[in-house]
All heavy atoms as atom14 arrays in JSON, in Angstrom:
{
  "sequence": "TAFRFGSQRSGGWRFGNIIGNPPTVAKAVAASAAFPIL",
  "atom14_mask": [
    [1, 1, 1, 1, 1, 1, 1, 0, 0, 0, 0, 0, 0, 0],
    [1, 1, 1, 1, 1, 0, 0, 0, 0, 0, 0, 0, 0, 0],
    [1, 1, 1, 1, 1, 1, 1, 1, 1, 1, 1, 0, 0, 0],
    [1, 1, 1, 1, 1, 1, 1, 1, 1, 1, 1, 0, 0, 0],
    [1, 1, 1, 1, 1, 1, 1, 1, 1, 1, 1, 0, 0, 0],
    [1, 1, 1, 1, 0, 0, 0, 0, 0, 0, 0, 0, 0, 0],
    [1, 1, 1, 1, 1, 1, 0, 0, 0, 0, 0, 0, 0, 0],
    [1, 1, 1, 1, 1, 1, 1, 1, 1, 0, 0, 0, 0, 0],
    [1, 1, 1, 1, 1, 1, 1, 1, 1, 1, 1, 0, 0, 0],
    [1, 1, 1, 1, 1, 1, 0, 0, 0, 0, 0, 0, 0, 0],
    [1, 1, 1, 1, 0, 0, 0, 0, 0, 0, 0, 0, 0, 0],
    [1, 1, 1, 1, 0, 0, 0, 0, 0, 0, 0, 0, 0, 0],
    [1, 1, 1, 1, 1, 1, 1, 1, 1, 1, 1, 1, 1, 1],
    [1, 1, 1, 1, 1, 1, 1, 1, 1, 1, 1, 0, 0, 0],
    [1, 1, 1, 1, 1, 1, 1, 1, 1, 1, 1, 0, 0, 0],
    [1, 1, 1, 1, 0, 0, 0, 0, 0, 0, 0, 0, 0, 0],
    [1, 1, 1, 1, 1, 1, 1, 1, 0, 0, 0, 0, 0, 0],
    [1, 1, 1, 1, 1, 1, 1, 1, 0, 0, 0, 0, 0, 0],
    [1, 1, 1, 1, 1, 1, 1, 1, 0, 0, 0, 0, 0, 0],
    [1, 1, 1, 1, 0, 0, 0, 0, 0, 0, 0, 0, 0, 0],
    [1, 1, 1, 1, 1, 1, 1, 1, 0, 0, 0, 0, 0, 0],
    [1, 1, 1, 1, 1, 1, 1, 0, 0, 0, 0, 0, 0, 0],
    [1, 1, 1, 1, 1, 1, 1, 0, 0, 0, 0, 0, 0, 0],
    [1, 1, 1, 1, 1, 1, 1, 0, 0, 0, 0, 0, 0, 0],
    [1, 1, 1, 1, 1, 1, 1, 0, 0, 0, 0, 0, 0, 0],
    [1, 1, 1, 1, 1, 0, 0, 0, 0, 0, 0, 0, 0, 0],
    [1, 1, 1, 1, 1, 1, 1, 1, 1, 0, 0, 0, 0, 0],
    [1, 1, 1, 1, 1, 0, 0, 0, 0, 0, 0, 0, 0, 0],
    [1, 1, 1, 1, 1, 1, 1, 0, 0, 0, 0, 0, 0, 0],
    [1, 1, 1, 1, 1, 0, 0, 0, 0, 0, 0, 0, 0, 0],
    [1, 1, 1, 1, 1, 0, 0, 0, 0, 0, 0, 0, 0, 0],
    [1, 1, 1, 1, 1, 1, 0, 0, 0, 0, 0, 0, 0, 0],
    [1, 1, 1, 1, 1, 0, 0, 0, 0, 0, 0, 0, 0, 0],
    [1, 1, 1, 1, 1, 0, 0, 0, 0, 0, 0, 0, 0, 0],
    [1, 1, 1, 1, 1, 1, 1, 1, 1, 1, 1, 0, 0, 0],
    [1, 1, 1, 1, 1, 1, 1, 0, 0, 0, 0, 0, 0, 0],
    [1, 1, 1, 1, 1, 1, 1, 1, 0, 0, 0, 0, 0, 0],
    [1, 1, 1, 1, 1, 1, 1, 1, 0, 0, 0, 0, 0, 0]
  ],
  "atom14_positions": [
    [[-36.15, -39.61, -28.89], [-35.0, -38.77, -28.45], [-35.28, -37.28, -28.9], [-36.19, -36.89, -29.67], [-33.67, -39.11, -29.12], [-33.89, -39.16, -30.57], [-33.39, -40.64, -28.77], [0.0, 0.0, 0.0], [0.0, 0.0, 0.0], [0.0, 0.0, 0.0], [0.0, 0.0, 0.0], [0.0, 0.0, 0.0], [0.0, 0.0, 0.0], [0.0, 0.0, 0.0]],
    [[-34.48, -36.45, -28.18], [-34.51, -34.93, -28.39], [-33.99, -34.77, -29.89], [-33.05, -35.34, -30.25], [-33.7, -34.19, -27.46], [0.0, 0.0, 0.0], [0.0, 0.0, 0.0], [0.0, 0.0, 0.0], [0.0, 0.0, 0.0], [0.0, 0.0, 0.0], [0.0, 0.0, 0.0], [0.0, 0.0, 0.0], [0.0, 0.0, 0.0], [0.0, 0.0, 0.0]],
    [[-34.66, -33.77, -30.56], [-34.18, -33.32, -31.93], [-34.25, -31.79, -31.85], [-35.29, -31.27, -31.5], [-34.98, -33.82, -32.94], [-34.55, -33.67, -34.34], [-33.73, -34.75, -34.97], [-34.56, -32.42, -35.06], [-33.22, -34.64, -36.14], [-33.97, -32.39, -36.32], [-33.23, -33.44, -36.83], [0.0, 0.0, 0.0], [0.0, 0.0, 0.0], [0.0, 0.0, 0.0]],
    [[-33.1, -31.1, -32.05], [-33.08, -29.72, -31.81], [-32.54, -28.96, -33.17], [-31.67, -29.35, -33.79], [-32.16, -29.31, -30.76], [-32.61, -30.0, -29.35], [-31.73, -29.65, -28.19], [-32.3, -30.08, -27.0], [-31.93, -31.21, -26.38], [-31.02, -31.89, -26.8], [-32.6, -31.53, -25.18], [0.0, 0.0, 0.0], [0.0, 0.0, 0.0], [0.0, 0.0, 0.0]],
    [[-33.38, -27.9, -33.3], [-32.91, -26.93, -34.36], [-32.17, -25.83, -33.72], [-32.81, -25.07, -32.86], [-34.13, -26.44, -35.21], [-34.91, -27.46, -35.82], [-35.96, -28.23, -35.21], [-34.6, -27.86, -37.26], [-36.64, -29.16, -35.93], [-35.31, -28.8, -37.91], [-36.27, -29.54, -37.32], [0.0, 0.0, 0.0], [0.0, 0.0, 0.0], [0.0, 0.0, 0.0]],
    [[-30.94, -25.58, -34.07], [-30.21, -24.45, -33.49], [-29.59, -23.5, -34.42], [-29.3, -23.91, -35.6], [0.0, 0.0, 0.0], [0.0, 0.0, 0.0], [0.0, 0.0, 0.0], [0.0, 0.0, 0.0], [0.0, 0.0, 0.0], [0.0, 0.0, 0.0], [0.0, 0.0, 0.0], [0.0, 0.0, 0.0], [0.0, 0.0, 0.0], [0.0, 0.0, 0.0]],
    [[-29.34, -22.32, -33.98], [-28.68, -21.19, -34.76], [-27.23, -21.71, -35.11], [-26.65, -21.14, -36.03], [-28.76, -19.9, -34.06], [-28.19, -19.95, -32.73], [0.0, 0.0, 0.0], [0.0, 0.0, 0.0], [0.0, 0.0, 0.0], [0.0, 0.0, 0.0], [0.0, 0.0, 0.0], [0.0, 0.0, 0.0], [0.0, 0.0, 0.0], [0.0, 0.0, 0.0]],
    [[-26.59, -22.54, -34.28], [-25.24, -22.92, -34.57], [-25.19, -24.36, -35.17], [-24.36, -24.71, -35.9], [-24.39, -22.82, -33.34], [-24.19, -21.48, -32.81], [-23.38, -21.36, -31.62], [-23.4, -22.2, -30.75], [-22.5, -20.35, -31.61], [0.0, 0.0, 0.0], [0.0, 0.0, 0.0], [0.0, 0.0, 0.0], [0.0, 0.0, 0.0], [0.0, 0.0, 0.0]],
    [[-26.04, -25.27, -34.78], [-26.15, -26.6, -35.39], [-27.55, -27.18, -35.15], [-28.23, -26.71, -34.11], [-25.08, -27.53, -34.98], [-25.12, -27.94, -33.53], [-24.1, -28.95, -33.15], [-23.98, -29.33, -31.8], [-24.63, -30.3, -31.25], [-25.51, -31.03, -32.0], [-24.49, -30.47, -29.96], [0.0, 0.0, 0.0], [0.0, 0.0, 0.0], [0.0, 0.0, 0.0]],
    [[-27.96, -28.17, -35.96], [-29.24, -28.77, -35.78], [-29.08, -30.24, -35.89], [-28.3, -30.7, -36.66], [-30.19, -28.26, -36.87], [-30.47, -26.9, -36.73], [0.0, 0.0, 0.0], [0.0, 0.0, 0.0], [0.0, 0.0, 0.0], [0.0, 0.0, 0.0], [0.0, 0.0, 0.0], [0.0, 0.0, 0.0], [0.0, 0.0, 0.0], [0.0, 0.0, 0.0]],
    [[-29.94, -31.01, -35.24], [-29.9, -32.38, -35.26], [-30.19, -33.1, -34.04], [-30.82, -32.54, -33.14], [0.0, 0.0, 0.0], [0.0, 0.0, 0.0], [0.0, 0.0, 0.0], [0.0, 0.0, 0.0], [0.0, 0.0, 0.0], [0.0, 0.0, 0.0], [0.0, 0.0, 0.0], [0.0, 0.0, 0.0], [0.0, 0.0, 0.0], [0.0, 0.0, 0.0]],
    [[-29.79, -34.34, -33.93], [-29.93, -35.04, -32.71], [-28.84, -36.1, -32.6], [-28.2, -36.51, -33.52], [0.0, 0.0, 0.0], [0.0, 0.0, 0.0], [0.0, 0.0, 0.0], [0.0, 0.0, 0.0], [0.0, 0.0, 0.0], [0.0, 0.0, 0.0], [0.0, 0.0, 0.0], [0.0, 0.0, 0.0], [0.0, 0.0, 0.0], [0.0, 0.0, 0.0]],
    [[-28.66, -36.66, -31.33], [-27.46, -37.52, -31.11], [-27.65, -38.91, -31.87], [-26.5, -39.48, -32.2], [-27.17, -37.66, -29.71], [-28.3, -38.58, -28.99], [-29.42, -38.14, -28.32], [-28.16, -39.98, -28.79], [-30.09, -39.22, -27.76], [-29.33, -40.32, -28.05], [-27.25, -40.94, -29.18], [-29.6, -41.7, -27.65], [-27.54, -42.41, -28.81], [-28.67, -42.62, -28.09]],
    [[-28.92, -39.21, -32.12], [-29.05, -40.5, -32.87], [-28.71, -40.33, -34.32], [-28.57, -41.33, -35.12], [-30.51, -41.0, -32.6], [-30.78, -41.5, -31.21], [-30.17, -42.87, -30.96], [-30.78, -43.87, -31.69], [-31.69, -44.69, -31.36], [-32.31, -44.43, -30.22], [-32.13, -45.63, -32.01], [0.0, 0.0, 0.0], [0.0, 0.0, 0.0], [0.0, 0.0, 0.0]],
    [[-28.79, -39.12, -34.87], [-28.72, -38.85, -36.34], [-27.41, -38.12, -36.7], [-26.94, -38.25, -37.8], [-29.91, -38.27, -36.86], [-31.21, -38.87, -36.56], [-31.95, -38.6, -35.44], [-31.6, -39.82, -37.37], [-33.07, -39.26, -35.1], [-32.87, -40.51, -37.13], [-33.63, -40.22, -35.95], [0.0, 0.0, 0.0], [0.0, 0.0, 0.0], [0.0, 0.0, 0.0]],
    [[-26.89, -37.33, -35.85], [-25.83, -36.5, -36.17], [-26.32, -35.02, -36.45], [-27.55, -34.66, -36.1], [0.0, 0.0, 0.0], [0.0, 0.0, 0.0], [0.0, 0.0, 0.0], [0.0, 0.0, 0.0], [0.0, 0.0, 0.0], [0.0, 0.0, 0.0], [0.0, 0.0, 0.0], [0.0, 0.0, 0.0], [0.0, 0.0, 0.0], [0.0, 0.0, 0.0]],
    [[-25.48, -34.21, -37.08], [-25.88, -32.87, -37.33], [-26.37, -32.71, -38.82], [-25.83, -33.36, -39.72], [-24.61, -31.94, -37.24], [-24.14, -31.89, -35.75], [-24.87, -32.03, -34.85], [-22.87, -31.79, -35.65], [0.0, 0.0, 0.0], [0.0, 0.0, 0.0], [0.0, 0.0, 0.0], [0.0, 0.0, 0.0], [0.0, 0.0, 0.0], [0.0, 0.0, 0.0]],
    [[-27.39, -31.89, -38.92], [-27.95, -31.64, -40.31], [-26.88, -30.86, -41.09], [-26.19, -29.86, -40.63], [-29.18, -30.8, -40.3], [-30.35, -31.58, -39.52], [-29.6, -30.31, -41.67], [-31.66, -30.74, -39.46], [0.0, 0.0, 0.0], [0.0, 0.0, 0.0], [0.0, 0.0, 0.0], [0.0, 0.0, 0.0], [0.0, 0.0, 0.0], [0.0, 0.0, 0.0]],
    [[-26.58, -31.25, -42.33], [-25.57, -30.62, -43.15], [-26.35, -30.08, -44.51], [-27.52, -30.45, -44.58], [-24.48, -31.48, -43.68], [-25.06, -32.82, -44.34], [-23.62, -31.88, -42.43], [-23.96, -33.65, -44.86], [0.0, 0.0, 0.0], [0.0, 0.0, 0.0], [0.0, 0.0, 0.0], [0.0, 0.0, 0.0], [0.0, 0.0, 0.0], [0.0, 0.0, 0.0]],
    [[-25.79, -29.15, -45.17], [-26.37, -28.66, -46.4], [-27.1, -27.36, -46.01], [-26.78, -26.67, -45.1], [0.0, 0.0, 0.0], [0.0, 0.0, 0.0], [0.0, 0.0, 0.0], [0.0, 0.0, 0.0], [0.0, 0.0, 0.0], [0.0, 0.0, 0.0], [0.0, 0.0, 0.0], [0.0, 0.0, 0.0], [0.0, 0.0, 0.0], [0.0, 0.0, 0.0]],
    [[-28.22, -27.1, -46.67], [-28.96, -25.86, -46.4], [-29.7, -25.97, -45.0], [-30.33, -26.94, -44.64], [-30.19, -25.75, -47.51], [-29.53, -25.5, -48.82], [-28.39, -24.91, -49.03], [-30.24, -25.92, -49.85], [0.0, 0.0, 0.0], [0.0, 0.0, 0.0], [0.0, 0.0, 0.0], [0.0, 0.0, 0.0], [0.0, 0.0, 0.0], [0.0, 0.0, 0.0]],
    [[-29.49, -24.84, -44.25], [-30.09, -24.85, -42.86], [-31.7, -24.93, -42.93], [-32.25, -24.37, -43.91], [-29.74, -23.55, -42.29], [-28.4, -23.06, -43.03], [-28.76, -23.68, -44.48], [0.0, 0.0, 0.0], [0.0, 0.0, 0.0], [0.0, 0.0, 0.0], [0.0, 0.0, 0.0], [0.0, 0.0, 0.0], [0.0, 0.0, 0.0], [0.0, 0.0, 0.0]],
    [[-32.3, -25.52, -42.13], [-33.86, -25.7, -42.09], [-34.36, -24.26, -41.84], [-33.72, -23.38, -41.24], [-34.14, -26.46, -40.91], [-32.89, -27.33, -40.54], [-31.73, -26.39, -40.95], [0.0, 0.0, 0.0], [0.0, 0.0, 0.0], [0.0, 0.0, 0.0], [0.0, 0.0, 0.0], [0.0, 0.0, 0.0], [0.0, 0.0, 0.0], [0.0, 0.0, 0.0]],
    [[-35.6, -24.02, -42.26], [-36.24, -22.66, -42.12], [-36.72, -22.58, -40.66], [-36.91, -23.59, -39.92], [-37.46, -22.51, -43.06], [-38.48, -23.5, -42.72], [-36.94, -22.64, -44.46], [0.0, 0.0, 0.0], [0.0, 0.0, 0.0], [0.0, 0.0, 0.0], [0.0, 0.0, 0.0], [0.0, 0.0, 0.0], [0.0, 0.0, 0.0], [0.0, 0.0, 0.0]],
    [[-36.87, -21.36, -40.27], [-37.47, -21.17, -38.78], [-38.8, -21.69, -38.75], [-39.16, -22.29, -37.77], [-37.42, -19.67, -38.57], [-38.12, -19.38, -37.13], [-36.03, -19.07, -38.54], [0.0, 0.0, 0.0], [0.0, 0.0, 0.0], [0.0, 0.0, 0.0], [0.0, 0.0, 0.0], [0.0, 0.0, 0.0], [0.0, 0.0, 0.0], [0.0, 0.0, 0.0]],
    [[-39.64, -21.46, -39.81], [-41.01, -22.01, -39.89], [-41.11, -23.51, -39.53], [-41.92, -24.08, -38.95], [-41.75, -21.61, -41.14], [0.0, 0.0, 0.0], [0.0, 0.0, 0.0], [0.0, 0.0, 0.0], [0.0, 0.0, 0.0], [0.0, 0.0, 0.0], [0.0, 0.0, 0.0], [0.0, 0.0, 0.0], [0.0, 0.0, 0.0], [0.0, 0.0, 0.0]],
    [[-40.21, -24.26, -40.32], [-40.16, -25.79, -40.14], [-39.79, -26.12, -38.7], [-40.3, -26.97, -38.08], [-39.13, -26.31, -41.16], [-39.15, -27.84, -41.21], [-38.16, -28.3, -42.2], [-38.48, -27.95, -43.64], [-39.8, -28.54, -44.08], [0.0, 0.0, 0.0], [0.0, 0.0, 0.0], [0.0, 0.0, 0.0], [0.0, 0.0, 0.0], [0.0, 0.0, 0.0]],
    [[-38.78, -25.53, -38.21], [-38.4, -25.71, -36.83], [-39.55, -25.56, -35.92], [-39.69, -26.36, -34.94], [-37.06, -24.93, -36.44], [0.0, 0.0, 0.0], [0.0, 0.0, 0.0], [0.0, 0.0, 0.0], [0.0, 0.0, 0.0], [0.0, 0.0, 0.0], [0.0, 0.0, 0.0], [0.0, 0.0, 0.0], [0.0, 0.0, 0.0], [0.0, 0.0, 0.0]],
    [[-40.1, -24.37, -35.93], [-41.15, -24.01, -35.05], [-42.3, -24.97, -35.19], [-43.04, -25.44, -34.25], [-41.63, -22.57, -35.15], [-42.86, -22.26, -34.35], [-40.47, -21.63, -34.77], [0.0, 0.0, 0.0], [0.0, 0.0, 0.0], [0.0, 0.0, 0.0], [0.0, 0.0, 0.0], [0.0, 0.0, 0.0], [0.0, 0.0, 0.0], [0.0, 0.0, 0.0]],
    [[-42.71, -25.28, -36.44], [-43.87, -26.15, -36.68], [-43.52, -27.56, -36.14], [-44.45, -28.14, -35.38], [-44.17, -26.31, -38.14], [0.0, 0.0, 0.0], [0.0, 0.0, 0.0], [0.0, 0.0, 0.0], [0.0, 0.0, 0.0], [0.0, 0.0, 0.0], [0.0, 0.0, 0.0], [0.0, 0.0, 0.0], [0.0, 0.0, 0.0], [0.0, 0.0, 0.0]],
    [[-42.29, -28.12, -36.23], [-42.0, -29.27, -35.62], [-41.99, -29.3, -34.06], [-42.63, -30.16, -33.43], [-40.66, -29.77, -36.03], [0.0, 0.0, 0.0], [0.0, 0.0, 0.0], [0.0, 0.0, 0.0], [0.0, 0.0, 0.0], [0.0, 0.0, 0.0], [0.0, 0.0, 0.0], [0.0, 0.0, 0.0], [0.0, 0.0, 0.0], [0.0, 0.0, 0.0]],
    [[-41.61, -28.25, -33.49], [-41.56, -27.99, -32.03], [-43.02, -27.94, -31.42], [-43.22, -28.23, -30.38], [-40.77, -26.76, -31.7], [-40.76, -26.55, -30.32], [0.0, 0.0, 0.0], [0.0, 0.0, 0.0], [0.0, 0.0, 0.0], [0.0, 0.0, 0.0], [0.0, 0.0, 0.0], [0.0, 0.0, 0.0], [0.0, 0.0, 0.0], [0.0, 0.0, 0.0]],
    [[-43.87, -27.38, -32.3], [-45.24, -27.08, -31.76], [-46.28, -28.11, -32.33], [-47.54, -27.8, -32.17], [-45.66, -25.62, -32.14], [0.0, 0.0, 0.0], [0.0, 0.0, 0.0], [0.0, 0.0, 0.0], [0.0, 0.0, 0.0], [0.0, 0.0, 0.0], [0.0, 0.0, 0.0], [0.0, 0.0, 0.0], [0.0, 0.0, 0.0], [0.0, 0.0, 0.0]],
    [[-45.96, -29.11, -32.92], [-46.84, -30.15, -33.41], [-47.45, -31.1, -32.29], [-47.01, -32.12, -32.15], [-46.25, -30.92, -34.49], [0.0, 0.0, 0.0], [0.0, 0.0, 0.0], [0.0, 0.0, 0.0], [0.0, 0.0, 0.0], [0.0, 0.0, 0.0], [0.0, 0.0, 0.0], [0.0, 0.0, 0.0], [0.0, 0.0, 0.0], [0.0, 0.0, 0.0]],
    [[-48.34, -30.5, -31.47], [-48.88, -31.16, -30.43], [-49.64, -32.53, -30.81], [-50.48, -32.5, -31.74], [-49.87, -30.37, -29.72], [-50.56, -30.91, -28.34], [-49.69, -31.32, -27.4], [-51.88, -31.1, -28.31], [-50.21, -31.88, -26.26], [-52.48, -31.7, -27.15], [-51.52, -32.0, -26.15], [0.0, 0.0, 0.0], [0.0, 0.0, 0.0], [0.0, 0.0, 0.0]],
    [[-49.14, -33.66, -30.36], [-49.53, -34.89, -30.93], [-50.96, -35.16, -31.13], [-51.41, -35.8, -32.14], [-48.89, -35.99, -30.08], [-47.76, -35.26, -29.34], [-48.14, -33.82, -29.22], [0.0, 0.0, 0.0], [0.0, 0.0, 0.0], [0.0, 0.0, 0.0], [0.0, 0.0, 0.0], [0.0, 0.0, 0.0], [0.0, 0.0, 0.0], [0.0, 0.0, 0.0]],
    [[-51.82, -34.66, -30.2], [-53.24, -34.97, -30.19], [-53.81, -34.29, -31.44], [-54.92, -34.71, -31.95], [-53.92, -34.73, -28.85], [-53.36, -35.55, -27.81], [-55.44, -34.8, -28.87], [-53.89, -35.3, -26.4], [0.0, 0.0, 0.0], [0.0, 0.0, 0.0], [0.0, 0.0, 0.0], [0.0, 0.0, 0.0], [0.0, 0.0, 0.0], [0.0, 0.0, 0.0]],
    [[-53.37, -33.1, -31.62], [-53.89, -32.32, -32.65], [-53.33, -32.27, -34.06], [-53.93, -32.16, -35.02], [-54.05, -30.81, -32.18], [-54.85, -30.49, -30.93], [-54.74, -29.18, -30.47], [-56.27, -31.05, -31.01], [0.0, 0.0, 0.0], [0.0, 0.0, 0.0], [0.0, 0.0, 0.0], [0.0, 0.0, 0.0], [0.0, 0.0, 0.0], [0.0, 0.0, 0.0]]
  ]
}
């Protein structure tokens, strides 16, 4: 399923919204760009 980091909220419909400290931009971008083959 989709998992999204957003400036207003982060998470996915299967898990809900992330609470507590917001994720870092570096973490969000690394997750988004982790091409599976590499």
